[in-house]
Amino acid sequence: MNNSHLDADSFGPVVRKGWSALVNAVGADGKLGWVQPVGGAPDSVYETDSHLYGVGAFLLAASEMLQAG
């Protein structure tokens, strides 16, 4: 949306809903949970699972949300 590849009217509500889910994955201690470990296939995840690449992706999404206003 920030680069005009997606229509804000159509995709804005979906993006905000997804962002809300990501924010809710941050625990009271500030740790991002529910991050799948690196692997070749999907696996079970838990609230306590966190990995650096997940936090990086979260921060990238946060920067895009901030830019969107």
Protein backbone atom coordinates (compact mmCIF):
# COMPACT_ATOMS: atom_id res chain seq x y z
CA MET A 1 0.00 0.00 0.00
CA ASN A 2 2.83 2.40 0.82
CA ASN A 3 4.25 1.88 -2.67
CA SER A 4 0.86 1.90 -4.44
CA HIS A 5 1.02 -1.79 -5.30
CA LEU A 6 -2.12 -2.50 -3.27
CA ASP A 7 -5.29 -0.43 -3.07
CA ALA A 8 -5.57 1.06 0.43
CA ASP A 9 -9.39 0.98 0.43
CA SER A 10 -9.47 -2.72 -0.42
CA PHE A 11 -6.47 -3.97 1.55
CA GLY A 12 -6.28 -1.47 4.41
CA PRO A 13 -8.72 -3.32 6.69
CA VAL A 14 -6.88 -6.63 6.11
CA VAL A 15 -3.49 -5.03 6.79
CA ARG A 16 -4.76 -3.44 10.03
CA LYS A 17 -6.26 -6.76 11.16
CA GLY A 18 -2.95 -8.54 10.48
CA TRP A 19 -1.01 -5.84 12.32
CA SER A 20 -3.35 -6.19 15.30
CA ALA A 21 -2.63 -9.93 15.40
CA LEU A 22 1.12 -9.27 15.34
CA VAL A 23 0.88 -6.72 18.15
CA ASN A 24 -1.11 -9.22 20.22
CA ALA A 25 1.77 -11.71 19.82
CA VAL A 26 3.99 -9.40 21.91
CA GLY A 27 4.00 -10.53 25.53
CA ALA A 28 3.85 -8.33 28.63
CA ASP A 29 7.64 -8.66 28.84
CA GLY A 30 8.02 -7.18 25.33
CA LYS A 31 9.06 -10.48 23.76
CA LEU A 32 7.53 -11.44 20.40
CA GLY A 33 6.10 -14.93 20.66
CA TRP A 34 4.58 -17.50 18.32
CA VAL A 35 7.56 -17.29 15.92
CA GLN A 36 8.13 -20.53 14.00
CA PRO A 37 11.69 -21.87 14.24
CA VAL A 38 13.85 -22.14 11.15
CA GLY A 39 13.18 -25.40 9.35
CA GLY A 40 12.26 -27.05 6.11
CA ALA A 41 8.56 -27.41 6.90
CA PRO A 42 5.86 -25.95 9.14
CA ASP A 43 6.08 -27.04 12.76
CA SER A 44 4.26 -26.47 16.03
CA VAL A 45 4.81 -23.10 17.67
CA TYR A 46 4.16 -21.83 21.15
CA GLU A 47 3.71 -18.48 22.83
CA THR A 48 7.26 -18.70 24.18
CA ASP A 49 8.86 -19.34 20.75
CA SER A 50 10.82 -16.33 19.52
CA HIS A 51 13.63 -15.93 16.98
CA LEU A 52 15.66 -13.00 15.72
CA TYR A 53 14.36 -13.15 12.17
CA GLY A 54 10.78 -12.96 13.47
CA VAL A 55 11.57 -9.85 15.47
CA GLY A 56 13.24 -8.31 12.42
CA ALA A 57 10.18 -8.98 10.27
CA PHE A 58 7.98 -7.51 13.00
CA LEU A 59 10.08 -4.33 13.07
CA LEU A 60 9.93 -4.06 9.28
CA ALA A 61 6.15 -4.38 9.40
CA ALA A 62 6.06 -1.76 12.16
CA SER A 63 8.04 0.68 10.02
CA GLU A 64 5.59 0.18 7.14
CA MET A 65 2.61 0.74 9.46
CA LEU A 66 4.22 3.92 10.80
CA GLN A 67 4.85 5.15 7.26
CA ALA A 68 1.22 4.43 6.31
CA GLY A 69 0.05 6.65 9.15
